[in-house]
Amino acid sequence: MSTLDTMATEQLDTHLAQLEDRLGRDYANVARTRLHAMVDRERARFAGARIHAFVPILVERAVRAALTTP
């Protein structure tokens, strides 16, 4: 039997994996390992968040900003 926390974590994992794929396509010149590390680092900032619905968009914005900053 799954708990709500488990289901939320699984959904978050799925959304972040899809995000990594999008970032990989959009920033093909960036190594996948670097993208993964960046997504993980940003995700960790929200580890204690009670609501995970906005985590993927916040992670995406932070990673894209980091990648576009000269």
PDB file of N, CA and C in Angstrom:
ATOM      1  N   MET A   1       0.841  -1.184   0.000  1.00  0.00           N
ATOM      2  CA  MET A   1       0.000   0.000   0.000  1.00  0.00           C
ATOM      3  C   MET A   1       0.886   1.248   0.000  1.00  0.00           C
ATOM      4  N   SER A   2       0.622   2.177  -0.911  1.00  0.00           N
ATOM      5  CA  SER A   2       1.398   3.406  -1.010  1.00  0.00           C
ATOM      6  C   SER A   2       0.809   4.481  -0.112  1.00  0.00           C
ATOM      7  N   THR A   3       1.688   5.264   0.430  1.00  0.00           N
ATOM      8  CA  THR A   3       1.233   6.418   1.192  1.00  0.00           C
ATOM      9  C   THR A   3       1.204   7.618   0.260  1.00  0.00           C
ATOM     10  N   LEU A   4       0.571   8.684   0.700  1.00  0.00           N
ATOM     11  CA  LEU A   4       0.550   9.896  -0.110  1.00  0.00           C
ATOM     12  C   LEU A   4       1.952  10.433  -0.329  1.00  0.00           C
ATOM     13  N   ASP A   5       2.804  10.355   0.691  1.00  0.00           N
ATOM     14  CA  ASP A   5       4.178  10.816   0.548  1.00  0.00           C
ATOM     15  C   ASP A   5       4.926  10.026  -0.504  1.00  0.00           C
ATOM     16  N   THR A   6       4.725   8.725  -0.509  1.00  0.00           N
ATOM     17  CA  THR A   6       5.388   7.870  -1.493  1.00  0.00           C
ATOM     18  C   THR A   6       4.910   8.215  -2.898  1.00  0.00           C
ATOM     19  N   MET A   7       3.600   8.390  -3.044  1.00  0.00           N
ATOM     20  CA  MET A   7       3.054   8.728  -4.350  1.00  0.00           C
ATOM     21  C   MET A   7       3.561  10.093  -4.800  1.00  0.00           C
ATOM     22  N   ALA A   8       3.607  11.052  -3.892  1.00  0.00           N
ATOM     23  CA  ALA A   8       4.090  12.384  -4.241  1.00  0.00           C
ATOM     24  C   ALA A   8       5.552  12.329  -4.662  1.00  0.00           C
ATOM     25  N   THR A   9       6.347  11.543  -3.959  1.00  0.00           N
ATOM     26  CA  THR A   9       7.765  11.409  -4.296  1.00  0.00           C
ATOM     27  C   THR A   9       7.938  10.758  -5.660  1.00  0.00           C
ATOM     28  N   GLU A  10       7.151   9.737  -5.942  1.00  0.00           N
ATOM     29  CA  GLU A  10       7.235   9.072  -7.241  1.00  0.00           C
ATOM     30  C   GLU A  10       6.837  10.015  -8.367  1.00  0.00           C
ATOM     31  N   GLN A  11       5.795  10.800  -8.153  1.00  0.00           N
ATOM     32  CA  GLN A  11       5.380  11.765  -9.174  1.00  0.00           C
ATOM     33  C   GLN A  11       6.454  12.832  -9.370  1.00  0.00           C
ATOM     34  N   LEU A  12       7.026  13.292  -8.280  1.00  0.00           N
ATOM     35  CA  LEU A  12       8.083  14.292  -8.368  1.00  0.00           C
ATOM     36  C   LEU A  12       9.277  13.732  -9.128  1.00  0.00           C
ATOM     37  N   ASP A  13       9.648  12.496  -8.830  1.00  0.00           N
ATOM     38  CA  ASP A  13      10.751  11.845  -9.550  1.00  0.00           C
ATOM     39  C   ASP A  13      10.466  11.805 -11.049  1.00  0.00           C
ATOM     40  N   THR A  14       9.237  11.454 -11.408  1.00  0.00           N
ATOM     41  CA  THR A  14       8.845  11.380 -12.815  1.00  0.00           C
ATOM     42  C   THR A  14       8.928  12.746 -13.481  1.00  0.00           C
ATOM     43  N   HIS A  15       8.388  13.759 -12.813  1.00  0.00           N
ATOM     44  CA  HIS A  15       8.413  15.113 -13.374  1.00  0.00           C
ATOM     45  C   HIS A  15       9.843  15.625 -13.541  1.00  0.00           C
ATOM     46  N   LEU A  16      10.692  15.347 -12.573  1.00  0.00           N
ATOM     47  CA  LEU A  16      12.071  15.825 -12.666  1.00  0.00           C
ATOM     48  C   LEU A  16      12.859  15.059 -13.725  1.00  0.00           C
ATOM     49  N   ALA A  17      12.554  13.789 -13.922  1.00  0.00           N
ATOM     50  CA  ALA A  17      13.199  13.028 -15.001  1.00  0.00           C
ATOM     51  C   ALA A  17      12.793  13.600 -16.361  1.00  0.00           C
ATOM     52  N   GLN A  18      11.516  13.948 -16.505  1.00  0.00           N
ATOM     53  CA  GLN A  18      11.055  14.572 -17.747  1.00  0.00           C
ATOM     54  C   GLN A  18      11.713  15.930 -17.940  1.00  0.00           C
ATOM     55  N   LEU A  19      11.875  16.662 -16.856  1.00  0.00           N
ATOM     56  CA  LEU A  19      12.556  17.955 -16.912  1.00  0.00           C
ATOM     57  C   LEU A  19      13.993  17.779 -17.388  1.00  0.00           C
ATOM     58  N   GLU A  20      14.698  16.800 -16.847  1.00  0.00           N
ATOM     59  CA  GLU A  20      16.084  16.544 -17.283  1.00  0.00           C
ATOM     60  C   GLU A  20      16.133  16.238 -18.772  1.00  0.00           C
ATOM     61  N   ASP A  21      15.166  15.479 -19.259  1.00  0.00           N
ATOM     62  CA  ASP A  21      15.127  15.168 -20.690  1.00  0.00           C
ATOM     63  C   ASP A  21      14.940  16.437 -21.521  1.00  0.00           C
ATOM     64  N   ARG A  22      14.028  17.317 -21.093  1.00  0.00           N
ATOM     65  CA  ARG A  22      13.808  18.581 -21.801  1.00  0.00           C
ATOM     66  C   ARG A  22      15.055  19.444 -21.786  1.00  0.00           C
ATOM     67  N   LEU A  23      15.675  19.539 -20.623  1.00  0.00           N
ATOM     68  CA  LEU A  23      16.896  20.336 -20.514  1.00  0.00           C
ATOM     69  C   LEU A  23      17.992  19.751 -21.394  1.00  0.00           C
ATOM     70  N   GLY A  24      18.066  18.433 -21.448  1.00  0.00           N
ATOM     71  CA  GLY A  24      19.060  17.772 -22.294  1.00  0.00           C
ATOM     72  C   GLY A  24      18.872  18.105 -23.763  1.00  0.00           C
ATOM     73  N   ARG A  25      17.619  18.221 -24.187  1.00  0.00           N
ATOM     74  CA  ARG A  25      17.342  18.598 -25.579  1.00  0.00           C
ATOM     75  C   ARG A  25      17.634  20.080 -25.810  1.00  0.00           C
ATOM     76  N   ASP A  26      17.242  20.905 -24.856  1.00  0.00           N
ATOM     77  CA  ASP A  26      17.417  22.348 -25.013  1.00  0.00           C
ATOM     78  C   ASP A  26      18.871  22.802 -24.861  1.00  0.00           C
ATOM     79  N   TYR A  27      19.617  22.062 -24.060  1.00  0.00           N
ATOM     80  CA  TYR A  27      21.030  22.402 -23.820  1.00  0.00           C
ATOM     81  C   TYR A  27      21.890  21.187 -24.168  1.00  0.00           C
ATOM     82  N   ALA A  28      21.867  20.838 -25.429  1.00  0.00           N
ATOM     83  CA  ALA A  28      22.572  19.642 -25.894  1.00  0.00           C
ATOM     84  C   ALA A  28      24.077  19.729 -25.671  1.00  0.00           C
ATOM     85  N   ASN A  29      24.591  20.930 -25.520  1.00  0.00           N
ATOM     86  CA  ASN A  29      26.034  21.106 -25.323  1.00  0.00           C
ATOM     87  C   ASN A  29      26.453  20.880 -23.866  1.00  0.00           C
ATOM     88  N   VAL A  30      25.488  20.677 -22.977  1.00  0.00           N
ATOM     89  CA  VAL A  30      25.780  20.465 -21.558  1.00  0.00           C
ATOM     90  C   VAL A  30      25.710  18.968 -21.258  1.00  0.00           C
ATOM     91  N   ALA A  31      26.720  18.466 -20.577  1.00  0.00           N
ATOM     92  CA  ALA A  31      26.768  17.037 -20.248  1.00  0.00           C
ATOM     93  C   ALA A  31      25.571  16.643 -19.382  1.00  0.00           C
ATOM     94  N   ARG A  32      25.021  15.470 -19.642  1.00  0.00           N
ATOM     95  CA  ARG A  32      23.872  14.972 -18.877  1.00  0.00           C
ATOM     96  C   ARG A  32      24.192  14.853 -17.397  1.00  0.00           C
ATOM     97  N   THR A  33      25.420  14.485 -17.088  1.00  0.00           N
ATOM     98  CA  THR A  33      25.789  14.357 -15.670  1.00  0.00           C
ATOM     99  C   THR A  33      25.737  15.717 -14.979  1.00  0.00           C
ATOM    100  N   ARG A  34      26.131  16.758 -15.696  1.00  0.00           N
ATOM    101  CA  ARG A  34      26.062  18.112 -15.124  1.00  0.00           C
ATOM    102  C   ARG A  34      24.612  18.532 -14.925  1.00  0.00           C
ATOM    103  N   LEU A  35      23.758  18.277 -15.925  1.00  0.00           N
ATOM    104  CA  LEU A  35      22.344  18.609 -15.793  1.00  0.00           C
ATOM    105  C   LEU A  35      21.730  17.879 -14.606  1.00  0.00           C
ATOM    106  N   HIS A  36      22.042  16.599 -14.486  1.00  0.00           N
ATOM    107  CA  HIS A  36      21.501  15.799 -13.380  1.00  0.00           C
ATOM    108  C   HIS A  36      21.948  16.381 -12.034  1.00  0.00           C
ATOM    109  N   ALA A  37      23.205  16.741 -11.942  1.00  0.00           N
ATOM    110  CA  ALA A  37      23.722  17.308 -10.696  1.00  0.00           C
ATOM    111  C   ALA A  37      23.032  18.637 -10.372  1.00  0.00           C
ATOM    112  N   MET A  38      22.803  19.443 -11.394  1.00  0.00           N
ATOM    113  CA  MET A  38      22.138  20.729 -11.175  1.00  0.00           C
ATOM    114  C   MET A  38      20.699  20.535 -10.716  1.00  0.00           C
ATOM    115  N   VAL A  39      19.993  19.613 -11.358  1.00  0.00           N
ATOM    116  CA  VAL A  39      18.606  19.329 -10.963  1.00  0.00           C
ATOM    117  C   VAL A  39      18.578  18.787  -9.536  1.00  0.00           C
ATOM    118  N   ASP A  40      19.469  17.871  -9.222  1.00  0.00           N
ATOM    119  CA  ASP A  40      19.525  17.319  -7.861  1.00  0.00           C
ATOM    120  C   ASP A  40      19.808  18.392  -6.818  1.00  0.00           C
ATOM    121  N   ARG A  41      20.728  19.281  -7.132  1.00  0.00           N
ATOM    122  CA  ARG A  41      21.079  20.348  -6.192  1.00  0.00           C
ATOM    123  C   ARG A  41      19.876  21.254  -5.931  1.00  0.00           C
ATOM    124  N   GLU A  42      19.177  21.626  -6.997  1.00  0.00           N
ATOM    125  CA  GLU A  42      18.003  22.489  -6.836  1.00  0.00           C
ATOM    126  C   GLU A  42      16.871  21.751  -6.127  1.00  0.00           C
ATOM    127  N   ARG A  43      16.711  20.470  -6.437  1.00  0.00           N
ATOM    128  CA  ARG A  43      15.672  19.681  -5.764  1.00  0.00           C
ATOM    129  C   ARG A  43      15.928  19.627  -4.262  1.00  0.00           C
ATOM    130  N   ALA A  44      17.172  19.503  -3.894  1.00  0.00           N
ATOM    131  CA  ALA A  44      17.533  19.411  -2.479  1.00  0.00           C
ATOM    132  C   ALA A  44      17.117  20.664  -1.711  1.00  0.00           C
ATOM    133  N   ARG A  45      17.092  21.798  -2.375  1.00  0.00           N
ATOM    134  CA  ARG A  45      16.663  23.041  -1.721  1.00  0.00           C
ATOM    135  C   ARG A  45      15.225  22.953  -1.228  1.00  0.00           C
ATOM    136  N   PHE A  46      14.420  22.104  -1.876  1.00  0.00           N
ATOM    137  CA  PHE A  46      13.007  21.991  -1.543  1.00  0.00           C
ATOM    138  C   PHE A  46      12.674  20.688  -0.821  1.00  0.00           C
ATOM    139  N   ALA A  47      13.683  20.044  -0.283  1.00  0.00           N
ATOM    140  CA  ALA A  47      13.483  18.742   0.369  1.00  0.00           C
ATOM    141  C   ALA A  47      12.473  18.806   1.509  1.00  0.00           C
ATOM    142  N   GLY A  48      12.437  19.902   2.227  1.00  0.00           N
ATOM    143  CA  GLY A  48      11.527  20.010   3.361  1.00  0.00           C
ATOM    144  C   GLY A  48      10.181  20.626   3.016  1.00  0.00           C
ATOM    145  N   ALA A  49       9.948  20.875   1.749  1.00  0.00           N
ATOM    146  CA  ALA A  49       8.686  21.503   1.341  1.00  0.00           C
ATOM    147  C   ALA A  49       7.510  20.586   1.621  1.00  0.00           C
ATOM    148  N   ARG A  50       6.447  21.164   2.120  1.00  0.00           N
ATOM    149  CA  ARG A  50       5.249  20.377   2.419  1.00  0.00           C
ATOM    150  C   ARG A  50       4.448  20.112   1.152  1.00  0.00           C
ATOM    151  N   ILE A  51       4.529  21.018   0.202  1.00  0.00           N
ATOM    152  CA  ILE A  51       3.804  20.866  -1.063  1.00  0.00           C
ATOM    153  C   ILE A  51       4.839  20.788  -2.179  1.00  0.00           C
ATOM    154  N   HIS A  52       4.750  19.724  -2.968  1.00  0.00           N
ATOM    155  CA  HIS A  52       5.738  19.493  -4.019  1.00  0.00           C
ATOM    156  C   HIS A  52       5.257  19.904  -5.412  1.00  0.00           C
ATOM    157  N   ALA A  53       4.040  20.404  -5.517  1.00  0.00           N
ATOM    158  CA  ALA A  53       3.452  20.687  -6.823  1.00  0.00           C
ATOM    159  C   ALA A  53       4.279  21.671  -7.641  1.00  0.00           C
ATOM    160  N   PHE A  54       4.918  22.633  -6.984  1.00  0.00           N
ATOM    161  CA  PHE A  54       5.641  23.665  -7.713  1.00  0.00           C
ATOM    162  C   PHE A  54       7.141  23.406  -7.800  1.00  0.00           C
ATOM    163  N   VAL A  55       7.606  22.339  -7.200  1.00  0.00           N
ATOM    164  CA  VAL A  55       9.042  22.047  -7.198  1.00  0.00           C
ATOM    165  C   VAL A  55       9.603  21.915  -8.611  1.00  0.00           C
ATOM    166  N   PRO A  56       8.967  21.170  -9.515  1.00  0.00           N
ATOM    167  CA  PRO A  56       9.558  21.044 -10.860  1.00  0.00           C
ATOM    168  C   PRO A  56       9.742  22.386 -11.572  1.00  0.00           C
ATOM    169  N   ILE A  57       8.767  23.272 -11.486  1.00  0.00           N
ATOM    170  CA  ILE A  57       8.906  24.554 -12.178  1.00  0.00           C
ATOM    171  C   ILE A  57       9.967  25.420 -11.520  1.00  0.00           C
ATOM    172  N   LEU A  58      10.065  25.366 -10.210  1.00  0.00           N
ATOM    173  CA  LEU A  58      11.099  26.134  -9.517  1.00  0.00           C
ATOM    174  C   LEU A  58      12.491  25.598  -9.837  1.00  0.00           C
ATOM    175  N   VAL A  59      12.608  24.285  -9.902  1.00  0.00           N
ATOM    176  CA  VAL A  59      13.886  23.660 -10.270  1.00  0.00           C
ATOM    177  C   VAL A  59      14.243  24.039 -11.699  1.00  0.00           C
ATOM    178  N   GLU A  60      13.272  23.949 -12.591  1.00  0.00           N
ATOM    179  CA  GLU A  60      13.542  24.277 -13.995  1.00  0.00           C
ATOM    180  C   GLU A  60      14.007  25.722 -14.148  1.00  0.00           C
ATOM    181  N   ARG A  61      13.325  26.646 -13.504  1.00  0.00           N
ATOM    182  CA  ARG A  61      13.713  28.062 -13.608  1.00  0.00           C
ATOM    183  C   ARG A  61      15.136  28.285 -13.106  1.00  0.00           C
ATOM    184  N   ALA A  62      15.472  27.672 -11.973  1.00  0.00           N
ATOM    185  CA  ALA A  62      16.804  27.862 -11.399  1.00  0.00           C
ATOM    186  C   ALA A  62      17.888  27.269 -12.290  1.00  0.00           C
ATOM    187  N   VAL A  63      17.649  26.083 -12.830  1.00  0.00           N
ATOM    188  CA  VAL A  63      18.653  25.435 -13.685  1.00  0.00           C
ATOM    189  C   VAL A  63      18.810  26.219 -14.994  1.00  0.00           C
ATOM    190  N   ARG A  64      17.708  26.611 -15.597  1.00  0.00           N
ATOM    191  CA  ARG A  64      17.796  27.388 -16.846  1.00  0.00           C
ATOM    192  C   ARG A  64      18.526  28.713 -16.603  1.00  0.00           C
ATOM    193  N   ALA A  65      18.227  29.358 -15.500  1.00  0.00           N
ATOM    194  CA  ALA A  65      18.911  30.623 -15.183  1.00  0.00           C
ATOM    195  C   ALA A  65      20.412  30.394 -15.034  1.00  0.00           C
ATOM    196  N   ALA A  66      20.788  29.317 -14.363  1.00  0.00           N
ATOM    197  CA  ALA A  66      22.204  29.013 -14.182  1.00  0.00           C
ATOM    198  C   ALA A  66      22.884  28.704 -15.511  1.00  0.00           C
ATOM    199  N   LEU A  67      22.174  28.048 -16.399  1.00  0.00           N
ATOM    200  CA  LEU A  67      22.754  27.681 -17.685  1.00  0.00           C
ATOM    201  C   LEU A  67      22.844  28.852 -18.660  1.00  0.00           C
ATOM    202  N   THR A  68      22.022  29.851 -18.471  1.00  0.00           N
ATOM    203  CA  THR A  68      22.037  30.983 -19.406  1.00  0.00           C
ATOM    204  C   THR A  68      22.842  32.160 -18.883  1.00  0.00           C
ATOM    205  N   THR A  69      23.292  32.077 -17.642  1.00  0.00           N
ATOM    206  CA  THR A  69      24.117  33.138 -17.087  1.00  0.00           C
ATOM    207  C   THR A  69      25.532  32.988 -17.625  1.00  0.00           C
ATOM    208  N   PRO A  70      26.052  34.051 -18.239  1.00  0.00           N
ATOM    209  CA  PRO A  70      27.399  33.937 -18.821  1.00  0.00           C
ATOM    210  C   PRO A  70      28.487  33.794 -17.777  1.00  0.00           C
TER     211      PRO A  70
END
